[in-house]
Each structure stands twice: as C-alpha cells, then as structure tokens.
Amino acid sequence: MTNGEVHSILPAGNVTYIGGSFTYVGPHTGCGAPVDTPSGSPLEPYPQVEGTIHAVVPDGSGGWFIGGSFTRVGGVARNRLAHILSDGSVSGFNPNLNSGVFALVLSGSTLYAGGSSQA
C-alpha cells in the first residue's frame, strides 16, 4: 500500500517497479493492525479486516475483540464483532450482529458491545 497515488507499474522478473505521488510503501494490513510502539511497524500475523473497526479491547490473553462495521476478518465471515486470538487467528466466537459496534468493554469473562440499532 502507498500513501498516495500510483501512476505506473512495471513488473520485471522478481521485481515490480511502481511510480507515482507517494512517499511511503508498506504492507496492506486491512482496516486495523496491532503496531509495535517503538518501531511503528505492524505486528504479524494479523488477519485483514474487510470493513471499518470502531472499537478494540484486549482479551487478557494476548488477543483482541474488535467491533465495527466489517463483514470478514482473515477471510472468515464475521459480522461486526470478532475475536482475534494471540496467534493472529480468528476464533470461533461469532455472534453475527446485524448492526454496527462502536464500543466494547470486557469485564471478567463478559464482553459488552454497544452500537447502533437497525430500524
């Protein structure tokens, strides 16, 4: 991914040259990724999220609960709420919500999700 427009692409053997109006080329992480604080680099592995993440809360075991307006996480159908394990995989947790999640709170083993309601 670039932070600007790509105007030309030329594959040549094992190298692809790109040119345009950008100053950075980095990995495509989807709509969210954990970032190493000292380096600013995304941590791997992390599943790509297709949609928008509005809320994140740690699960207490090195993983994360994410909420938002997404429909897939790591290629797995997850509507608006997902649990990403510490190894970067998507857990079996799948409440399949029908509206966006904008707030998450984990209290003990209970996850509270707040968001919009469908009319």
Protein backbone atom coordinates (compact mmCIF):
# COMPACT_ATOMS: atom_id res chain seq x y z
CA MET A 1 0.00 0.00 0.00
CA THR A 2 1.14 3.52 -0.69
CA ASN A 3 0.22 6.80 0.98
CA GLY A 4 -0.53 8.41 -2.39
CA GLU A 5 -1.42 7.69 -6.00
CA VAL A 6 0.37 5.07 -8.11
CA HIS A 7 0.73 6.20 -11.73
CA SER A 8 2.86 3.45 -13.24
CA ILE A 9 3.58 -0.22 -12.61
CA LEU A 10 6.27 -2.25 -14.39
CA PRO A 11 6.89 -5.91 -13.49
CA ALA A 12 10.45 -7.03 -14.37
CA GLY A 13 11.37 -10.55 -13.28
CA ASN A 14 11.12 -10.82 -9.50
CA VAL A 15 10.79 -7.05 -9.05
CA THR A 16 7.86 -4.73 -9.71
CA TYR A 17 8.65 -1.04 -10.08
CA ILE A 18 5.99 1.47 -9.13
CA GLY A 19 5.97 5.21 -9.56
CA GLY A 20 3.62 7.98 -8.55
CA SER A 21 2.91 10.67 -6.00
CA PHE A 22 3.66 8.81 -2.76
CA THR A 23 6.36 8.86 -0.10
CA TYR A 24 5.68 5.53 1.60
CA VAL A 25 5.14 1.92 0.55
CA GLY A 26 4.12 -0.52 3.25
CA PRO A 27 2.18 -3.70 3.91
CA HIS A 28 -1.58 -3.84 3.33
CA THR A 29 -2.98 -4.51 6.78
CA GLY A 30 -6.69 -4.06 6.12
CA CYS A 31 -8.60 -1.71 8.42
CA GLY A 32 -6.63 -2.41 11.56
CA ALA A 33 -3.45 -3.93 12.92
CA PRO A 34 -1.50 -4.06 16.16
CA VAL A 35 1.54 -1.82 15.93
CA ASP A 36 4.90 -2.17 17.68
CA THR A 37 5.20 1.01 19.75
CA PRO A 38 8.99 1.58 19.40
CA SER A 39 9.22 0.92 15.63
CA GLY A 40 5.72 1.84 14.44
CA SER A 41 5.65 -1.33 12.32
CA PRO A 42 2.56 -3.56 12.12
CA LEU A 43 2.95 -6.80 14.07
CA GLU A 44 2.44 -10.08 12.26
CA PRO A 45 0.43 -12.19 12.00
CA TYR A 46 -2.80 -10.23 11.99
CA PRO A 47 -5.86 -11.05 9.88
CA GLN A 48 -7.06 -8.44 7.42
CA VAL A 49 -10.37 -6.84 8.31
CA GLU A 50 -12.80 -6.05 5.47
CA GLY A 51 -14.70 -3.00 6.68
CA THR A 52 -14.20 -0.48 9.47
CA ILE A 53 -13.09 -1.11 13.06
CA HIS A 54 -14.63 1.29 15.59
CA ALA A 55 -13.68 -0.39 18.89
CA VAL A 56 -10.94 -2.67 20.21
CA VAL A 57 -10.45 -4.27 23.63
CA PRO A 58 -7.73 -6.73 24.71
CA ASP A 59 -8.95 -10.19 25.72
CA GLY A 60 -6.41 -10.52 28.56
CA SER A 61 -4.64 -13.42 26.82
CA GLY A 62 -2.72 -11.56 24.11
CA GLY A 63 -5.64 -11.38 21.68
CA TRP A 64 -8.29 -8.77 20.89
CA PHE A 65 -12.01 -8.32 20.47
CA ILE A 66 -12.83 -5.93 17.63
CA GLY A 67 -16.14 -4.26 16.80
CA GLY A 68 -17.21 -2.14 13.87
CA SER A 69 -18.95 -2.29 10.53
CA PHE A 70 -16.95 -5.12 8.95
CA THR A 71 -18.16 -8.40 7.42
CA ARG A 72 -14.99 -10.51 7.17
CA VAL A 73 -11.89 -10.96 9.32
CA GLY A 74 -9.00 -13.01 7.97
CA GLY A 75 -11.22 -14.30 5.17
CA VAL A 76 -13.79 -15.60 7.69
CA ALA A 77 -17.35 -14.23 7.82
CA ARG A 78 -17.64 -12.14 10.99
CA ASN A 79 -20.40 -9.53 11.08
CA ARG A 80 -19.39 -6.51 13.14
CA LEU A 81 -17.86 -8.37 16.13
CA ALA A 82 -14.88 -10.74 16.17
CA HIS A 83 -12.27 -12.25 18.47
CA ILE A 84 -8.68 -12.41 17.23
CA LEU A 85 -6.50 -14.82 19.20
CA SER A 86 -2.92 -14.13 20.26
CA ASP A 87 -1.58 -16.20 17.34
CA GLY A 88 -3.43 -13.95 14.85
CA SER A 89 -6.15 -16.47 14.03
CA VAL A 90 -9.87 -15.72 14.18
CA SER A 91 -11.64 -17.59 16.99
CA GLY A 92 -14.93 -19.49 16.66
CA PHE A 93 -16.72 -16.67 18.55
CA ASN A 94 -19.37 -15.44 16.09
CA PRO A 95 -22.41 -13.53 17.44
CA ASN A 96 -23.28 -12.45 13.83
CA LEU A 97 -24.61 -8.99 14.70
CA ASN A 98 -26.85 -7.06 12.30
CA SER A 99 -25.72 -3.53 13.18
CA GLY A 100 -22.50 -1.61 13.81
CA VAL A 101 -20.49 -1.86 17.04
CA PHE A 102 -18.98 1.38 18.38
CA ALA A 103 -17.96 0.46 21.95
CA LEU A 104 -16.56 -2.63 23.67
CA VAL A 105 -15.90 -3.35 27.34
CA LEU A 106 -14.61 -6.62 28.77
CA SER A 107 -15.50 -7.24 32.41
CA GLY A 108 -14.21 -10.59 33.63
CA SER A 109 -15.48 -13.09 31.06
CA THR A 110 -18.37 -10.88 29.87
CA LEU A 111 -17.99 -8.78 26.73
CA TYR A 112 -20.33 -5.79 26.44
CA ALA A 113 -20.89 -4.31 22.98
CA GLY A 114 -22.61 -1.01 22.23
CA GLY A 115 -23.62 0.38 18.89
CA SER A 116 -26.34 1.40 16.53
CA SER A 117 -29.67 -0.34 16.12
CA GLN A 118 -31.37 -1.18 12.89
CA ALA A 119 -34.80 0.36 12.38
